[in-house]
Amino acid sequence: MNVTHYEQNKLCIISFEGNLTNSTVGVCNEYLRPILADMEKKKQIAGLLMNLSKVNLIDSAGIGFICAKFVRMKKQGKKFGLCNLKETLKTTFSMTGLDSNITIYSTTMEGLHHMGIS
């Protein structure tokens, strides 16, 4: 699993490359821990956008990982969204009903436009 991030339009964009599964969630949490702690201190960061364009598979641990970040952002009053999901992942989020709670954007630019503060 490879994880990268950058800030744009007052959002933190996290990109994942690889499968988001039980065997990779630990790496993702370790990468995000200092970033999320920093976001709590930075009032100018309005939210978190997860780019899943290079994720082919999400298991229950991966869904739990995403839900935990969604809840954390919501508790902080920050925005949260997913973008660039492949059709198989869209189906997973639709079947679980998570797409009714977590906003899913077709592209990163769409997420930046709707979530960001210019």
PDB file of N, CA and C in Angstrom:
ATOM      1  N   MET A   1       0.859  -1.177   0.000  1.00  0.00           N
ATOM      2  CA  MET A   1       0.000   0.000   0.000  1.00  0.00           C
ATOM      3  C   MET A   1       0.897   1.230   0.000  1.00  0.00           C
ATOM      4  N   ASN A   2       0.611   2.136  -0.900  1.00  0.00           N
ATOM      5  CA  ASN A   2       1.303   3.415  -0.959  1.00  0.00           C
ATOM      6  C   ASN A   2       0.276   4.505  -0.667  1.00  0.00           C
ATOM      7  N   VAL A   3       0.609   5.412   0.238  1.00  0.00           N
ATOM      8  CA  VAL A   3      -0.291   6.499   0.621  1.00  0.00           C
ATOM      9  C   VAL A   3       0.454   7.815   0.466  1.00  0.00           C
ATOM     10  N   THR A   4      -0.191   8.787  -0.174  1.00  0.00           N
ATOM     11  CA  THR A   4       0.380  10.132  -0.311  1.00  0.00           C
ATOM     12  C   THR A   4      -0.698  11.149   0.029  1.00  0.00           C
ATOM     13  N   HIS A   5      -0.277  12.386   0.257  1.00  0.00           N
ATOM     14  CA  HIS A   5      -1.258  13.437   0.534  1.00  0.00           C
ATOM     15  C   HIS A   5      -0.724  14.794   0.096  1.00  0.00           C
ATOM     16  N   TYR A   6      -1.651  15.722  -0.074  1.00  0.00           N
ATOM     17  CA  TYR A   6      -1.328  17.122  -0.328  1.00  0.00           C
ATOM     18  C   TYR A   6      -2.516  17.963   0.117  1.00  0.00           C
ATOM     19  N   GLU A   7      -2.287  19.257   0.248  1.00  0.00           N
ATOM     20  CA  GLU A   7      -3.363  20.177   0.633  1.00  0.00           C
ATOM     21  C   GLU A   7      -3.674  21.108  -0.527  1.00  0.00           C
ATOM     22  N   GLN A   8      -4.967  21.302  -0.756  1.00  0.00           N
ATOM     23  CA  GLN A   8      -5.428  22.209  -1.805  1.00  0.00           C
ATOM     24  C   GLN A   8      -6.832  22.670  -1.456  1.00  0.00           C
ATOM     25  N   ASN A   9      -7.136  23.933  -1.721  1.00  0.00           N
ATOM     26  CA  ASN A   9      -8.455  24.511  -1.448  1.00  0.00           C
ATOM     27  C   ASN A   9      -8.914  24.230  -0.021  1.00  0.00           C
ATOM     28  N   LYS A  10      -7.992  24.310   0.917  1.00  0.00           N
ATOM     29  CA  LYS A  10      -8.268  24.096   2.340  1.00  0.00           C
ATOM     30  C   LYS A  10      -8.740  22.677   2.656  1.00  0.00           C
ATOM     31  N   LEU A  11      -8.367  21.732   1.787  1.00  0.00           N
ATOM     32  CA  LEU A  11      -8.666  20.322   2.002  1.00  0.00           C
ATOM     33  C   LEU A  11      -7.371  19.528   2.028  1.00  0.00           C
ATOM     34  N   CYS A  12      -7.400  18.417   2.739  1.00  0.00           N
ATOM     35  CA  CYS A  12      -6.315  17.453   2.703  1.00  0.00           C
ATOM     36  C   CYS A  12      -6.775  16.315   1.803  1.00  0.00           C
ATOM     37  N   ILE A  13      -6.046  16.081   0.711  1.00  0.00           N
ATOM     38  CA  ILE A  13      -6.385  15.027  -0.231  1.00  0.00           C
ATOM     39  C   ILE A  13      -5.418  13.863   0.012  1.00  0.00           C
ATOM     40  N   ILE A  14      -5.975  12.705   0.341  1.00  0.00           N
ATOM     41  CA  ILE A  14      -5.192  11.504   0.602  1.00  0.00           C
ATOM     42  C   ILE A  14      -5.409  10.545  -0.559  1.00  0.00           C
ATOM     43  N   SER A  15      -4.331  10.067  -1.158  1.00  0.00           N
ATOM     44  CA  SER A  15      -4.432   9.108  -2.260  1.00  0.00           C
ATOM     45  C   SER A  15      -3.847   7.769  -1.839  1.00  0.00           C
ATOM     46  N   PHE A  16      -4.552   6.720  -2.183  1.00  0.00           N
ATOM     47  CA  PHE A  16      -4.145   5.359  -1.852  1.00  0.00           C
ATOM     48  C   PHE A  16      -3.840   4.594  -3.133  1.00  0.00           C
ATOM     49  N   GLU A  17      -2.823   3.739  -3.076  1.00  0.00           N
ATOM     50  CA  GLU A  17      -2.494   2.880  -4.207  1.00  0.00           C
ATOM     51  C   GLU A  17      -2.294   1.461  -3.676  1.00  0.00           C
ATOM     52  N   GLY A  18      -3.202   0.588  -4.037  1.00  0.00           N
ATOM     53  CA  GLY A  18      -3.178  -0.788  -3.554  1.00  0.00           C
ATOM     54  C   GLY A  18      -4.544  -1.146  -2.998  1.00  0.00           C
ATOM     55  N   ASN A  19      -4.651  -2.332  -2.463  1.00  0.00           N
ATOM     56  CA  ASN A  19      -5.915  -2.776  -1.881  1.00  0.00           C
ATOM     57  C   ASN A  19      -6.049  -2.262  -0.455  1.00  0.00           C
ATOM     58  N   LEU A  20      -7.230  -1.827  -0.101  1.00  0.00           N
ATOM     59  CA  LEU A  20      -7.506  -1.321   1.250  1.00  0.00           C
ATOM     60  C   LEU A  20      -8.157  -2.473   2.023  1.00  0.00           C
ATOM     61  N   THR A  21      -7.299  -3.271   2.660  1.00  0.00           N
ATOM     62  CA  THR A  21      -7.742  -4.504   3.301  1.00  0.00           C
ATOM     63  C   THR A  21      -7.153  -4.619   4.703  1.00  0.00           C
ATOM     64  N   ASN A  22      -7.526  -5.686   5.371  1.00  0.00           N
ATOM     65  CA  ASN A  22      -7.035  -5.948   6.718  1.00  0.00           C
ATOM     66  C   ASN A  22      -5.505  -5.883   6.788  1.00  0.00           C
ATOM     67  N   SER A  23      -4.839  -6.334   5.750  1.00  0.00           N
ATOM     68  CA  SER A  23      -3.375  -6.352   5.769  1.00  0.00           C
ATOM     69  C   SER A  23      -2.740  -4.987   5.489  1.00  0.00           C
ATOM     70  N   THR A  24      -3.524  -4.012   5.020  1.00  0.00           N
ATOM     71  CA  THR A  24      -2.944  -2.696   4.699  1.00  0.00           C
ATOM     72  C   THR A  24      -3.491  -1.548   5.546  1.00  0.00           C
ATOM     73  N   VAL A  25      -4.575  -1.775   6.265  1.00  0.00           N
ATOM     74  CA  VAL A  25      -5.194  -0.702   7.051  1.00  0.00           C
ATOM     75  C   VAL A  25      -4.233  -0.165   8.115  1.00  0.00           C
ATOM     76  N   GLY A  26      -3.422  -1.023   8.700  1.00  0.00           N
ATOM     77  CA  GLY A  26      -2.453  -0.575   9.703  1.00  0.00           C
ATOM     78  C   GLY A  26      -1.473   0.442   9.139  1.00  0.00           C
ATOM     79  N   VAL A  27      -0.972   0.182   7.934  1.00  0.00           N
ATOM     80  CA  VAL A  27      -0.053   1.114   7.268  1.00  0.00           C
ATOM     81  C   VAL A  27      -0.758   2.450   7.021  1.00  0.00           C
ATOM     82  N   CYS A  28      -1.995   2.381   6.583  1.00  0.00           N
ATOM     83  CA  CYS A  28      -2.769   3.598   6.312  1.00  0.00           C
ATOM     84  C   CYS A  28      -2.990   4.403   7.593  1.00  0.00           C
ATOM     85  N   ASN A  29      -3.337   3.714   8.671  1.00  0.00           N
ATOM     86  CA  ASN A  29      -3.545   4.409   9.946  1.00  0.00           C
ATOM     87  C   ASN A  29      -2.266   5.068  10.437  1.00  0.00           C
ATOM     88  N   GLU A  30      -1.140   4.378  10.315  1.00  0.00           N
ATOM     89  CA  GLU A  30       0.144   4.949  10.736  1.00  0.00           C
ATOM     90  C   GLU A  30       0.485   6.194   9.915  1.00  0.00           C
ATOM     91  N   TYR A  31       0.222   6.143   8.620  1.00  0.00           N
ATOM     92  CA  TYR A  31       0.496   7.294   7.748  1.00  0.00           C
ATOM     93  C   TYR A  31      -0.405   8.472   8.127  1.00  0.00           C
ATOM     94  N   LEU A  32      -1.678   8.181   8.378  1.00  0.00           N
ATOM     95  CA  LEU A  32      -2.646   9.253   8.621  1.00  0.00           C
ATOM     96  C   LEU A  32      -2.611   9.824  10.042  1.00  0.00           C
ATOM     97  N   ARG A  33      -2.109   9.056  11.000  1.00  0.00           N
ATOM     98  CA  ARG A  33      -2.141   9.501  12.400  1.00  0.00           C
ATOM     99  C   ARG A  33      -1.589  10.921  12.584  1.00  0.00           C
ATOM    100  N   PRO A  34      -0.369  11.230  12.151  1.00  0.00           N
ATOM    101  CA  PRO A  34       0.129  12.597  12.360  1.00  0.00           C
ATOM    102  C   PRO A  34      -0.601  13.647  11.511  1.00  0.00           C
ATOM    103  N   ILE A  35      -1.075  13.247  10.342  1.00  0.00           N
ATOM    104  CA  ILE A  35      -1.795  14.180   9.470  1.00  0.00           C
ATOM    105  C   ILE A  35      -3.118  14.580  10.109  1.00  0.00           C
ATOM    106  N   LEU A  36      -3.850  13.598  10.622  1.00  0.00           N
ATOM    107  CA  LEU A  36      -5.139  13.888  11.257  1.00  0.00           C
ATOM    108  C   LEU A  36      -4.959  14.667  12.553  1.00  0.00           C
ATOM    109  N   ALA A  37      -3.910  14.366  13.303  1.00  0.00           N
ATOM    110  CA  ALA A  37      -3.630  15.120  14.528  1.00  0.00           C
ATOM    111  C   ALA A  37      -3.333  16.581  14.176  1.00  0.00           C
ATOM    112  N   ASP A  38      -2.589  16.780  13.101  1.00  0.00           N
ATOM    113  CA  ASP A  38      -2.275  18.136  12.652  1.00  0.00           C
ATOM    114  C   ASP A  38      -3.529  18.859  12.164  1.00  0.00           C
ATOM    115  N   MET A  39      -4.430  18.115  11.496  1.00  0.00           N
ATOM    116  CA  MET A  39      -5.675  18.723  11.018  1.00  0.00           C
ATOM    117  C   MET A  39      -6.537  19.227  12.168  1.00  0.00           C
ATOM    118  N   GLU A  40      -6.503  18.526  13.288  1.00  0.00           N
ATOM    119  CA  GLU A  40      -7.286  18.959  14.451  1.00  0.00           C
ATOM    120  C   GLU A  40      -6.810  20.317  14.947  1.00  0.00           C
ATOM    121  N   LYS A  41      -5.517  20.571  14.799  1.00  0.00           N
ATOM    122  CA  LYS A  41      -4.941  21.843  15.250  1.00  0.00           C
ATOM    123  C   LYS A  41      -5.139  22.950  14.217  1.00  0.00           C
ATOM    124  N   LYS A  42      -5.132  22.586  12.950  1.00  0.00           N
ATOM    125  CA  LYS A  42      -5.237  23.568  11.862  1.00  0.00           C
ATOM    126  C   LYS A  42      -6.696  23.851  11.555  1.00  0.00           C
ATOM    127  N   LYS A  43      -7.157  24.980  11.943  1.00  0.00           N
ATOM    128  CA  LYS A  43      -8.553  25.335  11.658  1.00  0.00           C
ATOM    129  C   LYS A  43      -8.755  25.664  10.179  1.00  0.00           C
ATOM    130  N   GLN A  44      -7.654  25.971   9.459  1.00  0.00           N
ATOM    131  CA  GLN A  44      -7.805  26.341   8.053  1.00  0.00           C
ATOM    132  C   GLN A  44      -8.029  25.130   7.145  1.00  0.00           C
ATOM    133  N   ILE A  45      -7.806  23.913   7.642  1.00  0.00           N
ATOM    134  CA  ILE A  45      -8.100  22.715   6.858  1.00  0.00           C
ATOM    135  C   ILE A  45      -9.556  22.331   7.107  1.00  0.00           C
ATOM    136  N   ALA A  46     -10.358  22.398   6.042  1.00  0.00           N
ATOM    137  CA  ALA A  46     -11.805  22.235   6.170  1.00  0.00           C
ATOM    138  C   ALA A  46     -12.272  20.787   6.074  1.00  0.00           C
ATOM    139  N   GLY A  47     -11.418  19.889   5.585  1.00  0.00           N
ATOM    140  CA  GLY A  47     -11.883  18.519   5.460  1.00  0.00           C
ATOM    141  C   GLY A  47     -10.883  17.592   4.813  1.00  0.00           C
ATOM    142  N   LEU A  48     -11.342  16.357   4.610  1.00  0.00           N
ATOM    143  CA  LEU A  48     -10.525  15.272   4.083  1.00  0.00           C
ATOM    144  C   LEU A  48     -11.214  14.668   2.872  1.00  0.00           C
ATOM    145  N   LEU A  49     -10.482  14.571   1.776  1.00  0.00           N
ATOM    146  CA  LEU A  49     -10.978  13.948   0.550  1.00  0.00           C
ATOM    147  C   LEU A  49     -10.075  12.760   0.240  1.00  0.00           C
ATOM    148  N   MET A  50     -10.653  11.562   0.187  1.00  0.00           N
ATOM    149  CA  MET A  50      -9.883  10.358  -0.089  1.00  0.00           C
ATOM    150  C   MET A  50     -10.013   9.981  -1.556  1.00  0.00           C
ATOM    151  N   ASN A  51      -8.875   9.951  -2.242  1.00  0.00           N
ATOM    152  CA  ASN A  51      -8.821   9.577  -3.652  1.00  0.00           C
ATOM    153  C   ASN A  51      -8.562   8.067  -3.733  1.00  0.00           C
ATOM    154  N   LEU A  52      -9.540   7.335  -4.234  1.00  0.00           N
ATOM    155  CA  LEU A  52      -9.440   5.877  -4.313  1.00  0.00           C
ATOM    156  C   LEU A  52      -9.261   5.383  -5.745  1.00  0.00           C
ATOM    157  N   SER A  53      -8.720   6.224  -6.616  1.00  0.00           N
ATOM    158  CA  SER A  53      -8.589   5.870  -8.032  1.00  0.00           C
ATOM    159  C   SER A  53      -7.705   4.650  -8.270  1.00  0.00           C
ATOM    160  N   LYS A  54      -6.753   4.401  -7.379  1.00  0.00           N
ATOM    161  CA  LYS A  54      -5.833   3.271  -7.563  1.00  0.00           C
ATOM    162  C   LYS A  54      -6.087   2.156  -6.551  1.00  0.00           C
ATOM    163  N   VAL A  55      -7.322   2.115  -6.041  1.00  0.00           N
ATOM    164  CA  VAL A  55      -7.726   1.046  -5.127  1.00  0.00           C
ATOM    165  C   VAL A  55      -8.667   0.112  -5.882  1.00  0.00           C
ATOM    166  N   ASN A  56      -8.311  -1.172  -5.923  1.00  0.00           N
ATOM    167  CA  ASN A  56      -9.124  -2.154  -6.638  1.00  0.00           C
ATOM    168  C   ASN A  56     -10.048  -2.938  -5.727  1.00  0.00           C
ATOM    169  N   LEU A  57      -9.687  -3.047  -4.447  1.00  0.00           N
ATOM    170  CA  LEU A  57     -10.436  -3.900  -3.545  1.00  0.00           C
ATOM    171  C   LEU A  57     -10.489  -3.272  -2.157  1.00  0.00           C
ATOM    172  N   ILE A  58     -11.675  -3.302  -1.558  1.00  0.00           N
ATOM    173  CA  ILE A  58     -11.852  -2.876  -0.167  1.00  0.00           C
ATOM    174  C   ILE A  58     -12.581  -4.000   0.555  1.00  0.00           C
ATOM    175  N   ASP A  59     -12.010  -4.474   1.668  1.00  0.00           N
ATOM    176  CA  ASP A  59     -12.715  -5.479   2.461  1.00  0.00           C
ATOM    177  C   ASP A  59     -13.355  -4.794   3.666  1.00  0.00           C
ATOM    178  N   SER A  60     -13.887  -5.584   4.591  1.00  0.00           N
ATOM    179  CA  SER A  60     -14.588  -5.006   5.738  1.00  0.00           C
ATOM    180  C   SER A  60     -13.667  -4.131   6.595  1.00  0.00           C
ATOM    181  N   ALA A  61     -12.388  -4.487   6.692  1.00  0.00           N
ATOM    182  CA  ALA A  61     -11.443  -3.667   7.448  1.00  0.00           C
ATOM    183  C   ALA A  61     -11.239  -2.312   6.759  1.00  0.00           C
ATOM    184  N   GLY A  62     -11.187  -2.319   5.438  1.00  0.00           N
ATOM    185  CA  GLY A  62     -11.053  -1.081   4.682  1.00  0.00           C
ATOM    186  C   GLY A  62     -12.267  -0.188   4.827  1.00  0.00           C
ATOM    187  N   ILE A  63     -13.442  -0.791   4.809  1.00  0.00           N
ATOM    188  CA  ILE A  63     -14.679  -0.024   5.014  1.00  0.00           C
ATOM    189  C   ILE A  63     -14.690   0.559   6.422  1.00  0.00           C
ATOM    190  N   GLY A  64     -14.279  -0.239   7.399  1.00  0.00           N
ATOM    191  CA  GLY A  64     -14.193   0.260   8.772  1.00  0.00           C
ATOM    192  C   GLY A  64     -13.218   1.414   8.902  1.00  0.00           C
ATOM    193  N   PHE A  65     -12.101   1.318   8.206  1.00  0.00           N
ATOM    194  CA  PHE A  65     -11.098   2.388   8.187  1.00  0.00           C
ATOM    195  C   PHE A  65     -11.712   3.686   7.658  1.00  0.00           C
ATOM    196  N   ILE A  66     -12.405   3.597   6.529  1.00  0.00           N
ATOM    197  CA  ILE A  66     -13.026   4.783   5.929  1.00  0.00           C
ATOM    198  C   ILE A  66     -14.111   5.338   6.849  1.00  0.00           C
ATOM    199  N   CYS A  67     -14.934   4.471   7.409  1.00  0.00           N
ATOM    200  CA  CYS A  67     -15.999   4.927   8.314  1.00  0.00           C
ATOM    201  C   CYS A  67     -15.425   5.625   9.547  1.00  0.00           C
ATOM    202  N   ALA A  68     -14.340   5.102  10.079  1.00  0.00           N
ATOM    203  CA  ALA A  68     -13.709   5.724  11.252  1.00  0.00           C
ATOM    204  C   ALA A  68     -13.212   7.133  10.929  1.00  0.00           C
ATOM    205  N   LYS A  69     -12.659   7.316   9.742  1.00  0.00           N
ATOM    206  CA  LYS A  69     -12.177   8.655   9.354  1.00  0.00           C
ATOM    207  C   LYS A  69     -13.357   9.594   9.109  1.00  0.00           C
ATOM    208  N   PHE A  70     -14.439   9.061   8.533  1.00  0.00           N
ATOM    209  CA  PHE A  70     -15.650   9.853   8.326  1.00  0.00           C
ATOM    210  C   PHE A  70     -16.187  10.351   9.662  1.00  0.00           C
ATOM    211  N   VAL A  71     -16.300   9.465  10.636  1.00  0.00           N
ATOM    212  CA  VAL A  71     -16.815   9.834  11.964  1.00  0.00           C
ATOM    213  C   VAL A  71     -15.896  10.853  12.629  1.00  0.00           C
ATOM    214  N   ARG A  72     -14.596  10.645  12.518  1.00  0.00           N
ATOM    215  CA  ARG A  72     -13.636  11.584  13.127  1.00  0.00           C
ATOM    216  C   ARG A  72     -13.785  12.983  12.536  1.00  0.00           C
ATOM    217  N   MET A  73     -13.899  13.074  11.211  1.00  0.00           N
ATOM    218  CA  MET A  73     -14.056  14.380  10.571  1.00  0.00           C
ATOM    219  C   MET A  73     -15.385  15.020  10.980  1.00  0.00           C
ATOM    220  N   LYS A  74     -16.425  14.232  11.035  1.00  0.00           N
ATOM    221  CA  LYS A  74     -17.744  14.747  11.407  1.00  0.00           C
ATOM    222  C   LYS A  74     -17.722  15.313  12.830  1.00  0.00           C
ATOM    223  N   LYS A  75     -17.072  14.608  13.759  1.00  0.00           N
ATOM    224  CA  LYS A  75     -16.965  15.080  15.142  1.00  0.00           C
ATOM    225  C   LYS A  75     -16.202  16.395  15.239  1.00  0.00           C
ATOM    226  N   GLN A  76     -15.271  16.608  14.308  1.00  0.00           N
ATOM    227  CA  GLN A  76     -14.488  17.845  14.296  1.00  0.00           C
ATOM    228  C   GLN A  76     -15.194  18.957  13.516  1.00  0.00           C
ATOM    229  N   GLY A  77     -16.334  18.651  12.939  1.00  0.00           N
ATOM    230  CA  GLY A  77     -17.048  19.646  12.134  1.00  0.00           C
ATOM    231  C   GLY A  77     -16.393  19.878  10.787  1.00  0.00           C
ATOM    232  N   LYS A  78     -15.646  18.893  10.318  1.00  0.00           N
ATOM    233  CA  LYS A  78     -14.955  19.006   9.027  1.00  0.00           C
ATOM    234  C   LYS A  78     -15.659  18.159   7.971  1.00  0.00           C
ATOM    235  N   LYS A  79     -15.389  18.473   6.725  1.00  0.00           N
ATOM    236  CA  LYS A  79     -15.999  17.764   5.605  1.00  0.00           C
ATOM    237  C   LYS A  79     -15.234  16.478   5.307  1.00  0.00           C
ATOM    238  N   PHE A  80     -15.929  15.529   4.668  1.00  0.00           N
ATOM    239  CA  PHE A  80     -15.313  14.256   4.302  1.00  0.00           C
ATOM    240  C   PHE A  80     -15.945  13.765   3.013  1.00  0.00           C
ATOM    241  N   GLY A  81     -15.123  13.245   2.123  1.00  0.00           N
ATOM    242  CA  GLY A  81     -15.637  12.684   0.888  1.00  0.00           C
ATOM    243  C   GLY A  81     -14.663  11.699   0.278  1.00  0.00           C
ATOM    244  N   LEU A  82     -15.183  10.918  -0.652  1.00  0.00           N
ATOM    245  CA  LEU A  82     -14.388   9.974  -1.426  1.00  0.00           C
ATOM    246  C   LEU A  82     -14.474  10.386  -2.886  1.00  0.00           C
ATOM    247  N   CYS A  83     -13.446  10.066  -3.651  1.00  0.00           N
ATOM    248  CA  CYS A  83     -13.502  10.394  -5.080  1.00  0.00           C
ATOM    249  C   CYS A  83     -12.801   9.319  -5.907  1.00  0.00           C
ATOM    250  N   ASN A  84     -13.143   9.298  -7.186  1.00  0.00           N
ATOM    251  CA  ASN A  84     -12.511   8.438  -8.192  1.00  0.00           C
ATOM    252  C   ASN A  84     -12.677   6.950  -7.906  1.00  0.00           C
ATOM    253  N   LEU A  85     -13.839   6.536  -7.423  1.00  0.00           N
ATOM    254  CA  LEU A  85     -14.070   5.122  -7.139  1.00  0.00           C
ATOM    255  C   LEU A  85     -14.336   4.352  -8.424  1.00  0.00           C
ATOM    256  N   LYS A  86     -13.724   3.194  -8.525  1.00  0.00           N
ATOM    257  CA  LYS A  86     -14.015   2.292  -9.637  1.00  0.00           C
ATOM    258  C   LYS A  86     -15.425   1.729  -9.430  1.00  0.00           C
ATOM    259  N   GLU A  87     -16.016   1.221 -10.488  1.00  0.00           N
ATOM    260  CA  GLU A  87     -17.397   0.732 -10.427  1.00  0.00           C
ATOM    261  C   GLU A  87     -17.589  -0.327  -9.354  1.00  0.00           C
ATOM    262  N   THR A  88     -16.627  -1.224  -9.182  1.00  0.00           N
ATOM    263  CA  THR A  88     -16.765  -2.271  -8.166  1.00  0.00           C
ATOM    264  C   THR A  88     -16.834  -1.671  -6.767  1.00  0.00           C
ATOM    265  N   LEU A  89     -16.070  -0.605  -6.525  1.00  0.00           N
ATOM    266  CA  LEU A  89     -16.105   0.043  -5.216  1.00  0.00           C
ATOM    267  C   LEU A  89     -17.399   0.826  -5.034  1.00  0.00           C
ATOM    268  N   LYS A  90     -17.870   1.467  -6.099  1.00  0.00           N
ATOM    269  CA  LYS A  90     -19.160   2.166  -6.019  1.00  0.00           C
ATOM    270  C   LYS A  90     -20.268   1.185  -5.641  1.00  0.00           C
ATOM    271  N   THR A  91     -20.218  -0.001  -6.225  1.00  0.00           N
ATOM    272  CA  THR A  91     -21.212  -1.033  -5.923  1.00  0.00           C
ATOM    273  C   THR A  91     -21.134  -1.432  -4.453  1.00  0.00           C
ATOM    274  N   THR A  92     -19.923  -1.597  -3.935  1.00  0.00           N
ATOM    275  CA  THR A  92     -19.749  -1.955  -2.524  1.00  0.00           C
ATOM    276  C   THR A  92     -20.362  -0.893  -1.624  1.00  0.00           C
ATOM    277  N   PHE A  93     -20.097   0.365  -1.911  1.00  0.00           N
ATOM    278  CA  PHE A  93     -20.635   1.447  -1.079  1.00  0.00           C
ATOM    279  C   PHE A  93     -22.151   1.560  -1.232  1.00  0.00           C
ATOM    280  N   SER A  94     -22.656   1.272  -2.399  1.00  0.00           N
ATOM    281  CA  SER A  94     -24.100   1.300  -2.617  1.00  0.00           C
ATOM    282  C   SER A  94     -24.784   0.144  -1.876  1.00  0.00           C
ATOM    283  N   MET A  95     -24.228  -1.051  -1.974  1.00  0.00           N
ATOM    284  CA  MET A  95     -24.821  -2.232  -1.331  1.00  0.00           C
ATOM    285  C   MET A  95     -24.823  -2.113   0.192  1.00  0.00           C
ATOM    286  N   THR A  96     -23.821  -1.450   0.736  1.00  0.00           N
ATOM    287  CA  THR A  96     -23.746  -1.292   2.190  1.00  0.00           C
ATOM    288  C   THR A  96     -24.543  -0.094   2.681  1.00  0.00           C
ATOM    289  N   GLY A  97     -24.993   0.752   1.760  1.00  0.00           N
ATOM    290  CA  GLY A  97     -25.746   1.946   2.133  1.00  0.00           C
ATOM    291  C   GLY A  97     -24.866   3.107   2.570  1.00  0.00           C
ATOM    292  N   LEU A  98     -23.557   2.915   2.523  1.00  0.00           N
ATOM    293  CA  LEU A  98     -22.656   3.986   2.952  1.00  0.00           C
ATOM    294  C   LEU A  98     -22.685   5.197   2.021  1.00  0.00           C
ATOM    295  N   ASP A  99     -23.080   4.976   0.778  1.00  0.00           N
ATOM    296  CA  ASP A  99     -23.146   6.096  -0.160  1.00  0.00           C
ATOM    297  C   ASP A  99     -24.244   7.095   0.196  1.00  0.00           C
ATOM    298  N   SER A 100     -25.130   6.726   1.121  1.00  0.00           N
ATOM    299  CA  SER A 100     -26.150   7.679   1.566  1.00  0.00           C
ATOM    300  C   SER A 100     -25.627   8.570   2.692  1.00  0.00           C
ATOM    301  N   ASN A 101     -24.506   8.199   3.287  1.00  0.00           N
ATOM    302  CA  ASN A 101     -23.905   9.003   4.351  1.00  0.00           C
ATOM    303  C   ASN A 101     -22.608   9.677   3.933  1.00  0.00           C
ATOM    304  N   ILE A 102     -21.819   8.976   3.151  1.00  0.00           N
ATOM    305  CA  ILE A 102     -20.525   9.493   2.712  1.00  0.00           C
ATOM    306  C   ILE A 102     -20.675   9.978   1.279  1.00  0.00           C
ATOM    307  N   THR A 103     -20.308  11.217   1.035  1.00  0.00           N
ATOM    308  CA  THR A 103     -20.412  11.783  -0.307  1.00  0.00           C
ATOM    309  C   THR A 103     -19.311  11.222  -1.190  1.00  0.00           C
ATOM    310  N   ILE A 104     -19.711  10.756  -2.370  1.00  0.00           N
ATOM    311  CA  ILE A 104     -18.775  10.194  -3.331  1.00  0.00           C
ATOM    312  C   ILE A 104     -18.781  11.080  -4.574  1.00  0.00           C
ATOM    313  N   TYR A 105     -17.590  11.561  -4.944  1.00  0.00           N
ATOM    314  CA  TYR A 105     -17.433  12.430  -6.106  1.00  0.00           C
ATOM    315  C   TYR A 105     -16.811  11.643  -7.252  1.00  0.00           C
ATOM    316  N   SER A 106     -17.213  11.962  -8.466  1.00  0.00           N
ATOM    317  CA  SER A 106     -16.691  11.268  -9.642  1.00  0.00           C
ATOM    318  C   SER A 106     -15.209  11.531  -9.855  1.00  0.00           C
ATOM    319  N   THR A 107     -14.781  12.768  -9.573  1.00  0.00           N
ATOM    320  CA  THR A 107     -13.383  13.148  -9.795  1.00  0.00           C
ATOM    321  C   THR A 107     -12.852  13.930  -8.592  1.00  0.00           C
ATOM    322  N   THR A 108     -11.550  14.042  -8.532  1.00  0.00           N
ATOM    323  CA  THR A 108     -10.921  14.854  -7.492  1.00  0.00           C
ATOM    324  C   THR A 108     -11.345  16.309  -7.642  1.00  0.00           C
ATOM    325  N   MET A 109     -11.383  16.787  -8.873  1.00  0.00           N
ATOM    326  CA  MET A 109     -11.758  18.184  -9.118  1.00  0.00           C
ATOM    327  C   MET A 109     -13.185  18.460  -8.640  1.00  0.00           C
ATOM    328  N   GLU A 110     -14.090  17.526  -8.861  1.00  0.00           N
ATOM    329  CA  GLU A 110     -15.467  17.694  -8.388  1.00  0.00           C
ATOM    330  C   GLU A 110     -15.485  17.777  -6.856  1.00  0.00           C
ATOM    331  N   GLY A 111     -14.721  16.908  -6.203  1.00  0.00           N
ATOM    332  CA  GLY A 111     -14.639  16.955  -4.749  1.00  0.00           C
ATOM    333  C   GLY A 111     -14.049  18.253  -4.245  1.00  0.00           C
ATOM    334  N   LEU A 112     -12.991  18.710  -4.886  1.00  0.00           N
ATOM    335  CA  LEU A 112     -12.376  19.985  -4.500  1.00  0.00           C
ATOM    336  C   LEU A 112     -13.361  21.131  -4.673  1.00  0.00           C
ATOM    337  N   HIS A 113     -14.105  21.089  -5.758  1.00  0.00           N
ATOM    338  CA  HIS A 113     -15.077  22.160  -6.043  1.00  0.00           C
ATOM    339  C   HIS A 113     -16.193  22.186  -5.008  1.00  0.00           C
ATOM    340  N   HIS A 114     -16.746  21.030  -4.675  1.00  0.00           N
ATOM    341  CA  HIS A 114     -17.888  20.975  -3.759  1.00  0.00           C
ATOM    342  C   HIS A 114     -17.490  21.066  -2.287  1.00  0.00           C
ATOM    343  N   MET A 115     -16.325  20.548  -1.959  1.00  0.00           N
ATOM    344  CA  MET A 115     -15.900  20.518  -0.557  1.00  0.00           C
ATOM    345  C   MET A 115     -14.995  21.684  -0.171  1.00  0.00           C
ATOM    346  N   GLY A 116     -14.223  22.154  -1.134  1.00  0.00           N
ATOM    347  CA  GLY A 116     -13.185  23.135  -0.838  1.00  0.00           C
ATOM    348  C   GLY A 116     -13.705  24.528  -0.602  1.00  0.00           C
ATOM    349  N   ILE A 117     -12.835  25.296  -0.009  1.00  0.00           N
ATOM    350  CA  ILE A 117     -13.135  26.708   0.233  1.00  0.00           C
ATOM    351  C   ILE A 117     -12.063  27.487  -0.479  1.00  0.00           C
ATOM    352  N   SER A 118     -12.412  28.107  -1.555  1.00  0.00           N
ATOM    353  CA  SER A 118     -11.418  28.828  -2.371  1.00  0.00           C
ATOM    354  C   SER A 118     -10.911  30.070  -1.693  1.00  0.00           C
TER     355      SER A 118
END
